[in-house]
All heavy atoms as atom14 arrays in JSON, in Angstrom:
{
  "sequence": "GPPRGISKKLRSLVQEQKSIISSLISSCEEVLSQLGEYRGQLGDWKT",
  "atom14_mask": [
    [1, 1, 1, 1, 0, 0, 0, 0, 0, 0, 0, 0, 0, 0],
    [1, 1, 1, 1, 1, 1, 1, 0, 0, 0, 0, 0, 0, 0],
    [1, 1, 1, 1, 1, 1, 1, 0, 0, 0, 0, 0, 0, 0],
    [1, 1, 1, 1, 1, 1, 1, 1, 1, 1, 1, 0, 0, 0],
    [1, 1, 1, 1, 0, 0, 0, 0, 0, 0, 0, 0, 0, 0],
    [1, 1, 1, 1, 1, 1, 1, 1, 0, 0, 0, 0, 0, 0],
    [1, 1, 1, 1, 1, 1, 0, 0, 0, 0, 0, 0, 0, 0],
    [1, 1, 1, 1, 1, 1, 1, 1, 1, 0, 0, 0, 0, 0],
    [1, 1, 1, 1, 1, 1, 1, 1, 1, 0, 0, 0, 0, 0],
    [1, 1, 1, 1, 1, 1, 1, 1, 0, 0, 0, 0, 0, 0],
    [1, 1, 1, 1, 1, 1, 1, 1, 1, 1, 1, 0, 0, 0],
    [1, 1, 1, 1, 1, 1, 0, 0, 0, 0, 0, 0, 0, 0],
    [1, 1, 1, 1, 1, 1, 1, 1, 0, 0, 0, 0, 0, 0],
    [1, 1, 1, 1, 1, 1, 1, 0, 0, 0, 0, 0, 0, 0],
    [1, 1, 1, 1, 1, 1, 1, 1, 1, 0, 0, 0, 0, 0],
    [1, 1, 1, 1, 1, 1, 1, 1, 1, 0, 0, 0, 0, 0],
    [1, 1, 1, 1, 1, 1, 1, 1, 1, 0, 0, 0, 0, 0],
    [1, 1, 1, 1, 1, 1, 1, 1, 1, 0, 0, 0, 0, 0],
    [1, 1, 1, 1, 1, 1, 0, 0, 0, 0, 0, 0, 0, 0],
    [1, 1, 1, 1, 1, 1, 1, 1, 0, 0, 0, 0, 0, 0],
    [1, 1, 1, 1, 1, 1, 1, 1, 0, 0, 0, 0, 0, 0],
    [1, 1, 1, 1, 1, 1, 0, 0, 0, 0, 0, 0, 0, 0],
    [1, 1, 1, 1, 1, 1, 0, 0, 0, 0, 0, 0, 0, 0],
    [1, 1, 1, 1, 1, 1, 1, 1, 0, 0, 0, 0, 0, 0],
    [1, 1, 1, 1, 1, 1, 1, 1, 0, 0, 0, 0, 0, 0],
    [1, 1, 1, 1, 1, 1, 0, 0, 0, 0, 0, 0, 0, 0],
    [1, 1, 1, 1, 1, 1, 0, 0, 0, 0, 0, 0, 0, 0],
    [1, 1, 1, 1, 1, 1, 0, 0, 0, 0, 0, 0, 0, 0],
    [1, 1, 1, 1, 1, 1, 1, 1, 1, 0, 0, 0, 0, 0],
    [1, 1, 1, 1, 1, 1, 1, 1, 1, 0, 0, 0, 0, 0],
    [1, 1, 1, 1, 1, 1, 1, 0, 0, 0, 0, 0, 0, 0],
    [1, 1, 1, 1, 1, 1, 1, 1, 0, 0, 0, 0, 0, 0],
    [1, 1, 1, 1, 1, 1, 0, 0, 0, 0, 0, 0, 0, 0],
    [1, 1, 1, 1, 1, 1, 1, 1, 1, 0, 0, 0, 0, 0],
    [1, 1, 1, 1, 1, 1, 1, 1, 0, 0, 0, 0, 0, 0],
    [1, 1, 1, 1, 0, 0, 0, 0, 0, 0, 0, 0, 0, 0],
    [1, 1, 1, 1, 1, 1, 1, 1, 1, 0, 0, 0, 0, 0],
    [1, 1, 1, 1, 1, 1, 1, 1, 1, 1, 1, 1, 0, 0],
    [1, 1, 1, 1, 1, 1, 1, 1, 1, 1, 1, 0, 0, 0],
    [1, 1, 1, 1, 0, 0, 0, 0, 0, 0, 0, 0, 0, 0],
    [1, 1, 1, 1, 1, 1, 1, 1, 1, 0, 0, 0, 0, 0],
    [1, 1, 1, 1, 1, 1, 1, 1, 0, 0, 0, 0, 0, 0],
    [1, 1, 1, 1, 0, 0, 0, 0, 0, 0, 0, 0, 0, 0],
    [1, 1, 1, 1, 1, 1, 1, 1, 0, 0, 0, 0, 0, 0],
    [1, 1, 1, 1, 1, 1, 1, 1, 1, 1, 1, 1, 1, 1],
    [1, 1, 1, 1, 1, 1, 1, 1, 1, 0, 0, 0, 0, 0],
    [1, 1, 1, 1, 1, 1, 1, 0, 0, 0, 0, 0, 0, 0]
  ],
  "atom14_positions": [
    [[-4.78, -14.7, 87.29], [-5.33, -13.36, 87.11], [-4.92, -12.79, 85.77], [-4.19, -13.4, 84.99], [0.0, 0.0, 0.0], [0.0, 0.0, 0.0], [0.0, 0.0, 0.0], [0.0, 0.0, 0.0], [0.0, 0.0, 0.0], [0.0, 0.0, 0.0], [0.0, 0.0, 0.0], [0.0, 0.0, 0.0], [0.0, 0.0, 0.0], [0.0, 0.0, 0.0]],
    [[-5.44, -11.58, 85.48], [-5.07, -10.93, 84.23], [-3.58, -10.66, 84.2], [-2.94, -10.46, 85.23], [-5.87, -9.63, 84.27], [-6.88, -9.78, 85.36], [-6.32, -10.79, 86.3], [0.0, 0.0, 0.0], [0.0, 0.0, 0.0], [0.0, 0.0, 0.0], [0.0, 0.0, 0.0], [0.0, 0.0, 0.0], [0.0, 0.0, 0.0], [0.0, 0.0, 0.0]],
    [[-2.98, -10.66, 83.05], [-1.53, -10.38, 82.95], [-1.21, -9.02, 83.57], [-1.98, -8.06, 83.42], [-1.29, -10.38, 81.44], [-2.42, -11.18, 80.87], [-3.58, -10.95, 81.75], [0.0, 0.0, 0.0], [0.0, 0.0, 0.0], [0.0, 0.0, 0.0], [0.0, 0.0, 0.0], [0.0, 0.0, 0.0], [0.0, 0.0, 0.0], [0.0, 0.0, 0.0]],
    [[-0.1, -9.0, 84.28], [0.28, -7.76, 84.95], [0.6, -6.64, 83.94], [0.57, -5.47, 84.26], [1.51, -7.99, 85.83], [1.23, -8.89, 87.03], [2.49, -9.09, 87.86], [2.22, -9.9, 89.03], [1.84, -9.39, 90.2], [1.67, -8.09, 90.32], [1.62, -10.18, 91.23], [0.0, 0.0, 0.0], [0.0, 0.0, 0.0], [0.0, 0.0, 0.0]],
    [[0.86, -7.05, 82.68], [1.27, -6.05, 81.72], [0.12, -5.2, 81.18], [0.36, -4.18, 80.54], [0.0, 0.0, 0.0], [0.0, 0.0, 0.0], [0.0, 0.0, 0.0], [0.0, 0.0, 0.0], [0.0, 0.0, 0.0], [0.0, 0.0, 0.0], [0.0, 0.0, 0.0], [0.0, 0.0, 0.0], [0.0, 0.0, 0.0], [0.0, 0.0, 0.0]],
    [[-1.19, -5.64, 81.41], [-2.3, -4.88, 80.86], [-2.59, -3.69, 81.75], [-2.25, -3.67, 82.93], [-3.56, -5.76, 80.7], [-4.07, -6.21, 82.08], [-3.28, -6.96, 79.81], [-5.37, -6.97, 82.02], [0.0, 0.0, 0.0], [0.0, 0.0, 0.0], [0.0, 0.0, 0.0], [0.0, 0.0, 0.0], [0.0, 0.0, 0.0], [0.0, 0.0, 0.0]],
    [[-3.28, -2.72, 81.18], [-3.56, -1.48, 81.91], [-4.65, -1.69, 82.95], [-5.36, -2.69, 82.94], [-4.0, -0.4, 80.92], [-5.24, -0.77, 80.33], [0.0, 0.0, 0.0], [0.0, 0.0, 0.0], [0.0, 0.0, 0.0], [0.0, 0.0, 0.0], [0.0, 0.0, 0.0], [0.0, 0.0, 0.0], [0.0, 0.0, 0.0], [0.0, 0.0, 0.0]],
    [[-4.75, -0.75, 83.84], [-5.75, -0.78, 84.89], [-7.15, -0.79, 84.3], [-8.07, -1.47, 84.81], [-5.57, 0.43, 85.81], [-6.54, 0.44, 86.99], [-6.24, 1.63, 87.89], [-7.19, 1.65, 89.08], [-6.92, 2.81, 89.95], [0.0, 0.0, 0.0], [0.0, 0.0, 0.0], [0.0, 0.0, 0.0], [0.0, 0.0, 0.0], [0.0, 0.0, 0.0]],
    [[-7.35, -0.06, 83.21], [-8.65, 0.01, 82.57], [-9.04, -1.36, 82.0], [-10.18, -1.81, 82.14], [-8.62, 1.05, 81.45], [-9.97, 1.23, 80.76], [-9.88, 2.33, 79.71], [-11.24, 2.52, 79.03], [-11.2, 3.6, 78.03], [0.0, 0.0, 0.0], [0.0, 0.0, 0.0], [0.0, 0.0, 0.0], [0.0, 0.0, 0.0], [0.0, 0.0, 0.0]],
    [[-8.07, -2.05, 81.37], [-8.35, -3.37, 80.81], [-8.63, -4.39, 81.91], [-9.48, -5.26, 81.77], [-7.19, -3.83, 79.94], [-6.99, -3.05, 78.63], [-5.76, -3.58, 77.88], [-8.23, -3.15, 77.76], [0.0, 0.0, 0.0], [0.0, 0.0, 0.0], [0.0, 0.0, 0.0], [0.0, 0.0, 0.0], [0.0, 0.0, 0.0], [0.0, 0.0, 0.0]],
    [[-7.88, -4.26, 83.02], [-8.15, -5.16, 84.15], [-9.56, -4.94, 84.67], [-10.26, -5.88, 85.07], [-7.11, -4.93, 85.25], [-5.76, -5.6, 84.97], [-4.95, -5.77, 86.25], [-4.61, -4.49, 86.85], [-3.51, -3.8, 86.57], [-2.65, -4.28, 85.67], [-3.26, -2.65, 87.16], [0.0, 0.0, 0.0], [0.0, 0.0, 0.0], [0.0, 0.0, 0.0]],
    [[-9.99, -3.7, 84.68], [-11.34, -3.39, 85.12], [-12.37, -4.03, 84.21], [-13.39, -4.57, 84.66], [-11.54, -1.87, 85.17], [-12.88, -1.56, 85.53], [0.0, 0.0, 0.0], [0.0, 0.0, 0.0], [0.0, 0.0, 0.0], [0.0, 0.0, 0.0], [0.0, 0.0, 0.0], [0.0, 0.0, 0.0], [0.0, 0.0, 0.0], [0.0, 0.0, 0.0]],
    [[-12.1, -3.98, 82.89], [-13.01, -4.61, 81.94], [-13.07, -6.12, 82.13], [-14.14, -6.75, 82.04], [-12.56, -4.28, 80.51], [-12.74, -2.84, 80.04], [-12.14, -2.65, 78.65], [-14.22, -2.47, 80.02], [0.0, 0.0, 0.0], [0.0, 0.0, 0.0], [0.0, 0.0, 0.0], [0.0, 0.0, 0.0], [0.0, 0.0, 0.0], [0.0, 0.0, 0.0]],
    [[-11.92, -6.73, 82.43], [-11.88, -8.17, 82.68], [-12.71, -8.52, 83.91], [-13.5, -9.49, 83.9], [-10.42, -8.65, 82.85], [-10.39, -10.1, 83.34], [-9.67, -8.53, 81.53], [0.0, 0.0, 0.0], [0.0, 0.0, 0.0], [0.0, 0.0, 0.0], [0.0, 0.0, 0.0], [0.0, 0.0, 0.0], [0.0, 0.0, 0.0], [0.0, 0.0, 0.0]],
    [[-12.54, -7.75, 84.98], [-13.29, -8.0, 86.2], [-14.79, -7.83, 85.98], [-15.61, -8.59, 86.5], [-12.8, -7.07, 87.32], [-11.39, -7.36, 87.8], [-11.26, -8.77, 88.36], [-12.18, -9.31, 88.97], [-10.09, -9.38, 88.15], [0.0, 0.0, 0.0], [0.0, 0.0, 0.0], [0.0, 0.0, 0.0], [0.0, 0.0, 0.0], [0.0, 0.0, 0.0]],
    [[-15.12, -6.81, 85.18], [-16.54, -6.56, 84.88], [-17.13, -7.74, 84.12], [-18.26, -8.17, 84.39], [-16.67, -5.28, 84.07], [-18.12, -4.92, 83.74], [-18.22, -3.63, 82.95], [-17.2, -2.92, 82.78], [-19.34, -3.32, 82.48], [0.0, 0.0, 0.0], [0.0, 0.0, 0.0], [0.0, 0.0, 0.0], [0.0, 0.0, 0.0], [0.0, 0.0, 0.0]],
    [[-16.36, -8.27, 83.15], [-16.84, -9.41, 82.39], [-17.0, -10.64, 83.27], [-17.96, -11.4, 83.15], [-15.87, -9.72, 81.24], [-16.39, -10.74, 80.23], [-17.62, -10.22, 79.49], [-17.66, -9.07, 79.09], [-18.63, -11.06, 79.37], [0.0, 0.0, 0.0], [0.0, 0.0, 0.0], [0.0, 0.0, 0.0], [0.0, 0.0, 0.0], [0.0, 0.0, 0.0]],
    [[-16.04, -10.85, 84.19], [-16.15, -11.97, 85.11], [-17.37, -11.84, 85.99], [-18.06, -12.83, 86.28], [-14.88, -12.04, 85.98], [-13.63, -12.5, 85.23], [-12.42, -12.48, 86.14], [-12.56, -13.44, 87.29], [-11.35, -13.43, 88.16], [0.0, 0.0, 0.0], [0.0, 0.0, 0.0], [0.0, 0.0, 0.0], [0.0, 0.0, 0.0], [0.0, 0.0, 0.0]],
    [[-17.67, -10.61, 86.41], [-18.86, -10.38, 87.24], [-20.13, -10.7, 86.48], [-21.07, -11.31, 87.02], [-18.87, -8.92, 87.72], [-20.03, -8.67, 88.47], [0.0, 0.0, 0.0], [0.0, 0.0, 0.0], [0.0, 0.0, 0.0], [0.0, 0.0, 0.0], [0.0, 0.0, 0.0], [0.0, 0.0, 0.0], [0.0, 0.0, 0.0], [0.0, 0.0, 0.0]],
    [[-20.15, -10.3, 85.19], [-21.33, -10.59, 84.36], [-21.53, -12.09, 84.21], [-22.64, -12.63, 84.36], [-21.19, -9.92, 82.98], [-21.24, -8.39, 83.12], [-22.28, -10.41, 82.02], [-20.93, -7.65, 81.84], [0.0, 0.0, 0.0], [0.0, 0.0, 0.0], [0.0, 0.0, 0.0], [0.0, 0.0, 0.0], [0.0, 0.0, 0.0], [0.0, 0.0, 0.0]],
    [[-20.42, -12.8, 83.95], [-20.51, -14.25, 83.76], [-20.95, -14.94, 85.05], [-21.79, -15.85, 85.04], [-19.15, -14.8, 83.29], [-18.85, -14.3, 81.87], [-19.13, -16.33, 83.32], [-17.47, -14.68, 81.36], [0.0, 0.0, 0.0], [0.0, 0.0, 0.0], [0.0, 0.0, 0.0], [0.0, 0.0, 0.0], [0.0, 0.0, 0.0], [0.0, 0.0, 0.0]],
    [[-20.39, -14.51, 86.19], [-20.78, -15.1, 87.48], [-22.25, -14.88, 87.74], [-22.96, -15.77, 88.24], [-19.95, -14.49, 88.61], [-18.57, -14.79, 88.45], [0.0, 0.0, 0.0], [0.0, 0.0, 0.0], [0.0, 0.0, 0.0], [0.0, 0.0, 0.0], [0.0, 0.0, 0.0], [0.0, 0.0, 0.0], [0.0, 0.0, 0.0], [0.0, 0.0, 0.0]],
    [[-22.74, -13.67, 87.41], [-24.16, -13.38, 87.6], [-25.03, -14.28, 86.73], [-26.07, -14.79, 87.16], [-24.43, -11.91, 87.29], [-25.81, -11.63, 87.42], [0.0, 0.0, 0.0], [0.0, 0.0, 0.0], [0.0, 0.0, 0.0], [0.0, 0.0, 0.0], [0.0, 0.0, 0.0], [0.0, 0.0, 0.0], [0.0, 0.0, 0.0], [0.0, 0.0, 0.0]],
    [[-24.58, -14.48, 85.48], [-25.34, -15.35, 84.57], [-25.34, -16.8, 85.05], [-26.33, -17.51, 84.91], [-24.75, -15.27, 83.16], [-25.06, -13.99, 82.37], [-24.3, -14.0, 81.05], [-26.56, -13.87, 82.12], [0.0, 0.0, 0.0], [0.0, 0.0, 0.0], [0.0, 0.0, 0.0], [0.0, 0.0, 0.0], [0.0, 0.0, 0.0], [0.0, 0.0, 0.0]],
    [[-24.21, -17.23, 85.61], [-24.14, -18.59, 86.16], [-25.15, -18.75, 87.28], [-25.87, -19.76, 87.36], [-22.72, -18.91, 86.65], [-21.76, -19.03, 85.45], [-22.7, -20.2, 87.48], [-20.31, -19.21, 85.84], [0.0, 0.0, 0.0], [0.0, 0.0, 0.0], [0.0, 0.0, 0.0], [0.0, 0.0, 0.0], [0.0, 0.0, 0.0], [0.0, 0.0, 0.0]],
    [[-25.23, -17.76, 88.16], [-26.21, -17.81, 89.26], [-27.63, -17.83, 88.71], [-28.49, -18.58, 89.22], [-26.03, -16.59, 90.18], [-24.75, -16.61, 90.79], [0.0, 0.0, 0.0], [0.0, 0.0, 0.0], [0.0, 0.0, 0.0], [0.0, 0.0, 0.0], [0.0, 0.0, 0.0], [0.0, 0.0, 0.0], [0.0, 0.0, 0.0], [0.0, 0.0, 0.0]],
    [[-27.88, -17.03, 87.66], [-29.21, -17.02, 87.06], [-29.53, -18.37, 86.44], [-30.66, -18.87, 86.56], [-29.29, -15.92, 85.99], [-29.12, -14.64, 86.56], [0.0, 0.0, 0.0], [0.0, 0.0, 0.0], [0.0, 0.0, 0.0], [0.0, 0.0, 0.0], [0.0, 0.0, 0.0], [0.0, 0.0, 0.0], [0.0, 0.0, 0.0], [0.0, 0.0, 0.0]],
    [[-28.54, -18.98, 85.79], [-28.73, -20.32, 85.21], [-29.1, -21.33, 86.28], [-30.01, -22.15, 86.11], [-27.47, -20.77, 84.47], [-27.18, -19.94, 82.9], [0.0, 0.0, 0.0], [0.0, 0.0, 0.0], [0.0, 0.0, 0.0], [0.0, 0.0, 0.0], [0.0, 0.0, 0.0], [0.0, 0.0, 0.0], [0.0, 0.0, 0.0], [0.0, 0.0, 0.0]],
    [[-28.36, -21.29, 87.39], [-28.63, -22.23, 88.48], [-30.03, -22.05, 89.04], [-30.74, -23.02, 89.34], [-27.58, -22.06, 89.58], [-26.18, -22.52, 89.17], [-25.15, -22.25, 90.24], [-25.47, -21.47, 91.17], [-24.05, -22.82, 90.17], [0.0, 0.0, 0.0], [0.0, 0.0, 0.0], [0.0, 0.0, 0.0], [0.0, 0.0, 0.0], [0.0, 0.0, 0.0]],
    [[-30.47, -20.8, 89.16], [-31.8, -20.52, 89.69], [-32.88, -21.04, 88.75], [-33.84, -21.7, 89.18], [-31.97, -19.02, 89.91], [-33.37, -18.6, 90.36], [-33.76, -19.23, 91.69], [-32.86, -19.51, 92.51], [-34.97, -19.46, 91.89], [0.0, 0.0, 0.0], [0.0, 0.0, 0.0], [0.0, 0.0, 0.0], [0.0, 0.0, 0.0], [0.0, 0.0, 0.0]],
    [[-32.72, -20.75, 87.46], [-33.72, -21.21, 86.48], [-33.69, -22.73, 86.36], [-34.74, -23.37, 86.23], [-33.48, -20.54, 85.11], [-34.4, -21.15, 84.06], [-33.72, -19.04, 85.21], [0.0, 0.0, 0.0], [0.0, 0.0, 0.0], [0.0, 0.0, 0.0], [0.0, 0.0, 0.0], [0.0, 0.0, 0.0], [0.0, 0.0, 0.0], [0.0, 0.0, 0.0]],
    [[-32.5, -23.34, 86.41], [-32.42, -24.8, 86.38], [-33.15, -25.41, 87.57], [-33.82, -26.45, 87.45], [-30.95, -25.25, 86.36], [-30.2, -25.06, 85.04], [-28.71, -25.34, 85.24], [-30.77, -25.93, 83.95], [0.0, 0.0, 0.0], [0.0, 0.0, 0.0], [0.0, 0.0, 0.0], [0.0, 0.0, 0.0], [0.0, 0.0, 0.0], [0.0, 0.0, 0.0]],
    [[-33.03, -24.75, 88.72], [-33.74, -25.22, 89.9], [-35.25, -25.11, 89.7], [-36.01, -26.02, 90.05], [-33.31, -24.39, 91.12], [-34.08, -24.73, 92.26], [0.0, 0.0, 0.0], [0.0, 0.0, 0.0], [0.0, 0.0, 0.0], [0.0, 0.0, 0.0], [0.0, 0.0, 0.0], [0.0, 0.0, 0.0], [0.0, 0.0, 0.0], [0.0, 0.0, 0.0]],
    [[-35.68, -23.98, 89.1], [-37.1, -23.8, 88.82], [-37.6, -24.85, 87.83], [-38.69, -25.41, 87.99], [-37.35, -22.4, 88.28], [-37.1, -21.28, 89.26], [-37.34, -19.92, 88.65], [-38.09, -19.79, 87.68], [-36.7, -18.89, 89.19], [0.0, 0.0, 0.0], [0.0, 0.0, 0.0], [0.0, 0.0, 0.0], [0.0, 0.0, 0.0], [0.0, 0.0, 0.0]],
    [[-36.8, -25.11, 86.8], [-37.19, -26.11, 85.8], [-37.3, -27.49, 86.44], [-38.2, -28.27, 86.1], [-36.17, -26.14, 84.65], [-36.16, -24.92, 83.72], [-35.0, -25.02, 82.74], [-37.48, -24.8, 82.97], [0.0, 0.0, 0.0], [0.0, 0.0, 0.0], [0.0, 0.0, 0.0], [0.0, 0.0, 0.0], [0.0, 0.0, 0.0], [0.0, 0.0, 0.0]],
    [[-36.38, -27.81, 87.35], [-36.44, -29.1, 88.04], [-37.71, -29.21, 88.87], [-38.38, -30.26, 88.88], [0.0, 0.0, 0.0], [0.0, 0.0, 0.0], [0.0, 0.0, 0.0], [0.0, 0.0, 0.0], [0.0, 0.0, 0.0], [0.0, 0.0, 0.0], [0.0, 0.0, 0.0], [0.0, 0.0, 0.0], [0.0, 0.0, 0.0], [0.0, 0.0, 0.0]],
    [[-38.06, -28.12, 89.55], [-39.27, -28.14, 90.37], [-40.51, -28.25, 89.49], [-41.44, -28.99, 89.8], [-39.33, -26.84, 91.19], [-40.46, -26.81, 92.21], [-40.41, -25.58, 93.09], [-39.48, -24.76, 92.91], [-41.29, -25.44, 93.96], [0.0, 0.0, 0.0], [0.0, 0.0, 0.0], [0.0, 0.0, 0.0], [0.0, 0.0, 0.0], [0.0, 0.0, 0.0]],
    [[-40.5, -27.52, 88.36], [-41.63, -27.58, 87.43], [-41.77, -28.98, 86.82], [-42.87, -29.49, 86.64], [-41.43, -26.54, 86.33], [-42.57, -26.45, 85.34], [-43.9, -26.5, 85.75], [-42.31, -26.31, 83.97], [-44.94, -26.41, 84.84], [-43.35, -26.22, 83.06], [-44.66, -26.27, 83.5], [-45.7, -26.19, 82.6], [0.0, 0.0, 0.0], [0.0, 0.0, 0.0]],
    [[-40.62, -29.6, 86.53], [-40.67, -30.95, 85.98], [-41.28, -31.93, 86.99], [-42.01, -32.85, 86.61], [-39.26, -31.41, 85.6], [-39.26, -32.72, 84.83], [-37.88, -33.21, 84.51], [-37.93, -34.42, 83.73], [-36.9, -35.23, 83.56], [-35.73, -34.93, 84.06], [-37.02, -36.33, 82.83], [0.0, 0.0, 0.0], [0.0, 0.0, 0.0], [0.0, 0.0, 0.0]],
    [[-40.96, -31.73, 88.26], [-41.58, -32.57, 89.28], [-43.09, -32.4, 89.31], [-43.84, -33.37, 89.45], [0.0, 0.0, 0.0], [0.0, 0.0, 0.0], [0.0, 0.0, 0.0], [0.0, 0.0, 0.0], [0.0, 0.0, 0.0], [0.0, 0.0, 0.0], [0.0, 0.0, 0.0], [0.0, 0.0, 0.0], [0.0, 0.0, 0.0], [0.0, 0.0, 0.0]],
    [[-43.55, -31.14, 89.15], [-44.99, -30.89, 89.1], [-45.62, -31.55, 87.88], [-46.7, -32.14, 87.97], [-45.24, -29.38, 89.06], [-46.72, -28.99, 88.98], [-47.49, -29.42, 90.22], [-47.38, -28.82, 91.28], [-48.27, -30.48, 90.09], [0.0, 0.0, 0.0], [0.0, 0.0, 0.0], [0.0, 0.0, 0.0], [0.0, 0.0, 0.0], [0.0, 0.0, 0.0]],
    [[-44.94, -31.46, 86.74], [-45.45, -32.12, 85.53], [-45.56, -33.62, 85.73], [-46.51, -34.26, 85.28], [-44.53, -31.81, 84.33], [-44.48, -30.35, 83.87], [-43.43, -30.19, 82.77], [-45.84, -29.88, 83.38], [0.0, 0.0, 0.0], [0.0, 0.0, 0.0], [0.0, 0.0, 0.0], [0.0, 0.0, 0.0], [0.0, 0.0, 0.0], [0.0, 0.0, 0.0]],
    [[-44.57, -34.2, 86.41], [-44.62, -35.63, 86.7], [-45.81, -35.99, 87.58], [-46.48, -37.01, 87.36], [0.0, 0.0, 0.0], [0.0, 0.0, 0.0], [0.0, 0.0, 0.0], [0.0, 0.0, 0.0], [0.0, 0.0, 0.0], [0.0, 0.0, 0.0], [0.0, 0.0, 0.0], [0.0, 0.0, 0.0], [0.0, 0.0, 0.0], [0.0, 0.0, 0.0]],
    [[-46.1, -35.13, 88.58], [-47.26, -35.37, 89.43], [-48.54, -35.32, 88.62], [-49.44, -36.15, 88.79], [-47.32, -34.32, 90.55], [-46.19, -34.49, 91.55], [-45.61, -35.59, 91.6], [-45.89, -33.54, 92.28], [0.0, 0.0, 0.0], [0.0, 0.0, 0.0], [0.0, 0.0, 0.0], [0.0, 0.0, 0.0], [0.0, 0.0, 0.0], [0.0, 0.0, 0.0]],
    [[-48.63, -34.33, 87.71], [-49.83, -34.22, 86.88], [-49.98, -35.42, 85.96], [-51.1, -35.9, 85.73], [-49.78, -32.92, 86.07], [-50.1, -31.7, 86.88], [-50.78, -31.65, 88.06], [-49.73, -30.35, 86.59], [-50.86, -30.36, 88.52], [-50.23, -29.53, 87.64], [-49.03, -29.75, 85.55], [-50.06, -28.16, 87.66], [-48.86, -28.37, 85.58], [-49.37, -27.59, 86.62]],
    [[-48.87, -35.92, 85.41], [-48.96, -37.09, 84.54], [-49.49, -38.3, 85.33], [-50.28, -39.09, 84.81], [-47.59, -37.4, 83.94], [-47.17, -36.43, 82.85], [-45.96, -36.92, 82.06], [-44.69, -36.87, 82.88], [-43.5, -37.23, 82.09], [0.0, 0.0, 0.0], [0.0, 0.0, 0.0], [0.0, 0.0, 0.0], [0.0, 0.0, 0.0], [0.0, 0.0, 0.0]],
    [[-49.04, -38.41, 86.57], [-49.54, -39.5, 87.42], [-51.04, -39.36, 87.63], [-51.8, -40.35, 87.55], [-48.82, -39.49, 88.78], [-47.43, -39.72, 88.58], [-49.37, -40.6, 89.68], [0.0, 0.0, 0.0], [0.0, 0.0, 0.0], [0.0, 0.0, 0.0], [0.0, 0.0, 0.0], [0.0, 0.0, 0.0], [0.0, 0.0, 0.0], [0.0, 0.0, 0.0]]
  ]
}
């Protein structure tokens, strides 16, 4: 976790940044899933 020596406000900023990153990771996974599905469709069309 964040160092105990930082202030409550800084800890809040750290948590907020972690939340943003986690949200972006979820968005990446969703779009990667969509890209995989789209690639499968492209493969079907090529066939």
